[in-house]
Amino acid sequence: MNREKLIRRVAKPAVFALCLGPIAWYAWLAVSGGLGANPIEATTRYFGDWGLRFMLVALAVTPLREAFGLGVLARFRRMTGLFAFFYVSLHLTSYVALDQFFDMAAVWADIIKRNFITIGMISFAMLVPLAITSTSGWMKRLGGKSWQRLHRLVYPAGILAVVHFYMMVKADVREPLIYAAILTALLAWRIFKRLKPKIIVPGLRRLRGQ
């Protein structure tokens, strides 16, 4: 089996199954009473946590690929990004269906009055066009540069997601702060990559007396 077939037939299905792991674990928690005294809140929080984790995983693919020379990781970036959207969608659905019982007036009132929900909804709205245009067909339709500009929405979406999480927790903010630190590192790496040619090339020219 050549490398391409190995990725397509073995690696991708394996990663896909791993990405579904949180669903299997949630099912076990649900049937074993592991969701605690407030299963609705636990469900909403659970899927929100995994949505944010998958966002960070998707953002980490490129730095890890370049740092360790693992070009194969790029093959899983779209999958992890779509799973991030999947779990964030479950997070939102849990809130609308289980918490508010599809009372859209109550949902809208929450969006207006509760800042952390406002921020969370803005973050979700930013992710929607990214999920829709994630295919190669959309990339060709929009053009590479326009597609890349659009998909930079993932950065403010990630920032808002972390802020949403931080504002939501009532006491222990250690977990959102950990996610904030990881996101800061990933964004700092990207900023450095963009600024590196502007910093290094002029410096080399000065050293060479040009």
Protein backbone atom coordinates (compact mmCIF):
# COMPACT_ATOMS: atom_id res chain seq x y z
CA MET A 1 0.00 0.00 0.00
CA ASN A 2 1.53 3.32 -1.06
CA ARG A 3 1.63 6.42 1.11
CA GLU A 4 -1.43 8.07 -0.46
CA LYS A 5 -3.60 4.99 -0.02
CA LEU A 6 -2.35 4.57 3.55
CA ILE A 7 -3.45 8.12 4.39
CA ARG A 8 -6.81 7.78 2.65
CA ARG A 9 -7.72 4.27 3.83
CA VAL A 10 -6.11 4.11 7.27
CA ALA A 11 -4.99 7.45 8.69
CA LYS A 12 -8.03 9.54 7.76
CA PRO A 13 -10.61 7.01 9.04
CA ALA A 14 -8.57 6.62 12.23
CA VAL A 15 -8.43 10.39 12.82
CA PHE A 16 -12.15 10.68 11.99
CA ALA A 17 -12.93 8.01 14.59
CA LEU A 18 -10.78 9.82 17.17
CA CYS A 19 -12.64 13.05 16.46
CA LEU A 20 -15.89 11.24 17.24
CA GLY A 21 -14.45 10.09 20.57
CA PRO A 22 -16.10 12.92 22.55
CA ILE A 23 -19.51 11.78 21.27
CA ALA A 24 -18.86 8.24 22.50
CA TRP A 25 -17.64 9.55 25.86
CA TYR A 26 -20.69 11.81 26.18
CA ALA A 27 -22.98 8.84 25.49
CA TRP A 28 -21.26 6.92 28.27
CA LEU A 29 -21.62 9.84 30.68
CA ALA A 30 -25.30 10.18 29.78
CA VAL A 31 -26.18 6.53 30.43
CA SER A 32 -23.99 6.17 33.52
CA GLY A 33 -25.22 9.29 35.31
CA GLY A 34 -21.92 11.07 34.82
CA LEU A 35 -23.46 14.39 33.78
CA GLY A 36 -24.08 15.38 37.38
CA ALA A 37 -26.98 17.15 39.04
CA ASN A 38 -27.56 19.51 36.09
CA PRO A 39 -27.25 17.40 32.92
CA ILE A 40 -28.51 20.18 30.63
CA GLU A 41 -25.82 22.61 31.74
CA ALA A 42 -23.24 19.81 31.66
CA THR A 43 -24.23 18.89 28.10
CA THR A 44 -24.02 22.46 26.85
CA ARG A 45 -20.68 23.00 28.57
CA TYR A 46 -19.30 19.66 27.36
CA PHE A 47 -19.85 20.33 23.68
CA GLY A 48 -18.66 23.92 24.00
CA ASP A 49 -15.42 22.72 25.58
CA TRP A 50 -14.81 20.28 22.76
CA GLY A 51 -15.65 22.85 20.12
CA LEU A 52 -12.98 25.16 21.51
CA ARG A 53 -10.46 22.33 21.84
CA PHE A 54 -10.93 21.34 18.22
CA MET A 55 -10.55 24.97 17.14
CA LEU A 56 -7.18 25.03 18.89
CA VAL A 57 -6.19 21.70 17.34
CA ALA A 58 -7.06 23.00 13.86
CA LEU A 59 -5.04 26.17 14.49
CA ALA A 60 -2.10 24.10 15.75
CA VAL A 61 -1.83 21.98 12.59
CA THR A 62 0.24 24.45 10.55
CA PRO A 63 2.73 25.35 13.32
CA LEU A 64 3.26 21.68 14.16
CA ARG A 65 3.62 20.77 10.50
CA GLU A 66 6.28 23.41 9.92
CA ALA A 67 8.08 22.88 13.24
CA PHE A 68 8.47 19.13 12.82
CA GLY A 69 8.39 18.80 9.03
CA LEU A 70 5.18 16.75 9.15
CA GLY A 71 3.54 17.74 5.88
CA VAL A 72 0.98 14.98 6.29
CA LEU A 73 -0.70 16.95 9.09
CA ALA A 74 -2.08 19.38 6.51
CA ARG A 75 -4.33 16.56 5.30
CA PHE A 76 -6.23 16.70 8.60
CA ARG A 77 -6.61 20.45 9.05
CA ARG A 78 -9.96 20.68 7.26
CA MET A 79 -11.32 17.66 9.15
CA THR A 80 -10.39 19.04 12.56
CA GLY A 81 -11.77 22.45 11.62
CA LEU A 82 -15.10 20.95 10.58
CA PHE A 83 -15.26 18.93 13.77
CA ALA A 84 -14.72 22.17 15.69
CA PHE A 85 -17.76 23.60 13.92
CA PHE A 86 -19.67 20.37 14.57
CA TYR A 87 -19.09 20.49 18.32
CA VAL A 88 -19.76 24.23 18.52
CA SER A 89 -23.04 23.58 16.67
CA LEU A 90 -23.93 20.91 19.23
CA HIS A 91 -23.08 23.41 21.96
CA LEU A 92 -25.48 25.95 20.46
CA THR A 93 -28.14 23.31 19.77
CA SER A 94 -27.96 22.08 23.36
CA TYR A 95 -28.53 25.61 24.61
CA VAL A 96 -31.44 26.33 22.23
CA ALA A 97 -33.14 22.91 22.50
CA LEU A 98 -32.44 21.71 26.04
CA ASP A 99 -31.99 24.95 27.96
CA GLN A 100 -34.51 27.20 26.17
CA PHE A 101 -36.84 24.55 24.66
CA PHE A 102 -36.70 26.31 21.27
CA ASP A 103 -38.14 29.50 22.77
CA MET A 104 -36.48 31.83 20.26
CA ALA A 105 -37.78 34.93 22.04
CA ALA A 106 -35.93 33.82 25.17
CA VAL A 107 -32.83 32.99 23.13
CA TRP A 108 -32.90 36.43 21.50
CA ALA A 109 -33.37 38.09 24.90
CA ASP A 110 -30.31 36.20 26.20
CA ILE A 111 -28.25 37.27 23.20
CA ILE A 112 -29.12 40.91 23.85
CA LYS A 113 -28.85 40.95 27.65
CA ARG A 114 -26.06 38.48 28.48
CA ASN A 115 -22.69 39.59 27.17
CA PHE A 116 -21.05 36.17 27.15
CA ILE A 117 -23.87 34.77 25.00
CA THR A 118 -23.62 37.77 22.65
CA ILE A 119 -19.91 37.10 22.22
CA GLY A 120 -20.48 33.38 21.75
CA MET A 121 -23.06 33.98 19.02
CA ILE A 122 -20.74 36.37 17.18
CA SER A 123 -18.00 33.73 17.32
CA PHE A 124 -20.39 31.08 15.95
CA ALA A 125 -21.56 33.43 13.17
CA MET A 126 -17.93 33.84 12.09
CA LEU A 127 -17.48 30.08 11.87
CA VAL A 128 -20.52 29.49 9.64
CA PRO A 129 -19.02 30.85 6.38
CA LEU A 130 -15.78 29.01 7.11
CA ALA A 131 -17.59 25.68 7.36
CA ILE A 132 -19.63 26.38 4.22
CA THR A 133 -16.60 27.37 2.14
CA SER A 134 -14.24 24.69 3.45
CA THR A 135 -14.32 22.61 0.25
CA SER A 136 -11.82 22.81 -2.60
CA GLY A 137 -14.69 23.80 -4.88
CA TRP A 138 -15.35 26.93 -2.84
CA MET A 139 -11.64 27.70 -2.75
CA LYS A 140 -11.56 27.71 -6.56
CA ARG A 141 -14.77 29.71 -6.75
CA LEU A 142 -13.54 32.43 -4.41
CA GLY A 143 -9.93 32.39 -5.53
CA GLY A 144 -7.02 31.45 -3.30
CA LYS A 145 -6.32 34.89 -1.81
CA SER A 146 -9.97 35.76 -1.17
CA TRP A 147 -10.53 32.32 0.35
CA GLN A 148 -7.54 32.78 2.66
CA ARG A 149 -8.72 36.24 3.72
CA LEU A 150 -12.16 34.85 4.54
CA HIS A 151 -10.73 31.99 6.55
CA ARG A 152 -8.73 34.38 8.71
CA LEU A 153 -12.04 34.88 10.50
CA VAL A 154 -11.03 31.82 12.50
CA TYR A 155 -8.63 34.02 14.50
CA PRO A 156 -11.18 36.51 15.89
CA ALA A 157 -13.66 33.63 16.22
CA GLY A 158 -11.15 31.78 18.41
CA ILE A 159 -10.45 34.87 20.51
CA LEU A 160 -14.16 35.48 21.05
CA ALA A 161 -14.69 31.80 21.92
CA VAL A 162 -12.07 32.01 24.66
CA VAL A 163 -13.58 35.26 25.97
CA HIS A 164 -17.02 33.62 25.91
CA PHE A 165 -15.71 30.71 27.96
CA TYR A 166 -13.90 33.00 30.42
CA MET A 167 -17.03 35.10 31.00
CA MET A 168 -19.23 32.03 31.34
CA VAL A 169 -17.36 30.31 34.17
CA LYS A 170 -18.36 31.58 37.57
CA ALA A 171 -15.33 30.79 39.71
CA ASP A 172 -12.48 28.63 38.43
CA VAL A 173 -11.01 30.39 35.38
CA ARG A 174 -7.92 28.20 35.09
CA GLU A 175 -9.17 26.22 32.09
CA PRO A 176 -10.14 29.24 29.94
CA LEU A 177 -6.82 30.87 30.85
CA ILE A 178 -4.97 27.77 29.64
CA TYR A 179 -6.86 27.92 26.35
CA ALA A 180 -6.13 31.65 26.14
CA ALA A 181 -2.41 30.96 26.58
CA ILE A 182 -2.44 28.28 23.86
CA LEU A 183 -4.36 30.53 21.47
CA THR A 184 -2.00 33.44 22.19
CA ALA A 185 1.00 31.25 21.36
CA LEU A 186 -0.59 30.05 18.11
CA LEU A 187 -1.50 33.59 17.03
CA ALA A 188 1.93 34.93 18.04
CA TRP A 189 3.57 32.28 15.85
CA ARG A 190 1.48 33.40 12.87
CA ILE A 191 2.25 37.08 13.47
CA PHE A 192 5.96 36.28 13.69
CA LYS A 193 5.79 34.31 10.43
CA ARG A 194 4.16 37.26 8.66
CA LEU A 195 6.62 39.81 10.07
CA LYS A 196 9.75 37.67 9.78
CA PRO A 197 10.63 38.62 6.16
CA LYS A 198 10.12 42.32 6.97
CA ILE A 199 12.45 42.04 9.97
CA ILE A 200 15.14 39.66 8.73
CA VAL A 201 15.63 40.80 5.12
CA PRO A 202 16.29 44.49 5.95
CA GLY A 203 18.60 43.36 8.74
CA LEU A 204 20.61 41.17 6.36
CA ARG A 205 20.86 44.02 3.88
CA ARG A 206 22.26 46.32 6.55
CA LEU A 207 24.80 43.69 7.59
CA ARG A 208 25.91 43.32 3.98
CA GLY A 209 26.20 47.06 3.54
CA GLN A 210 23.43 47.25 0.91
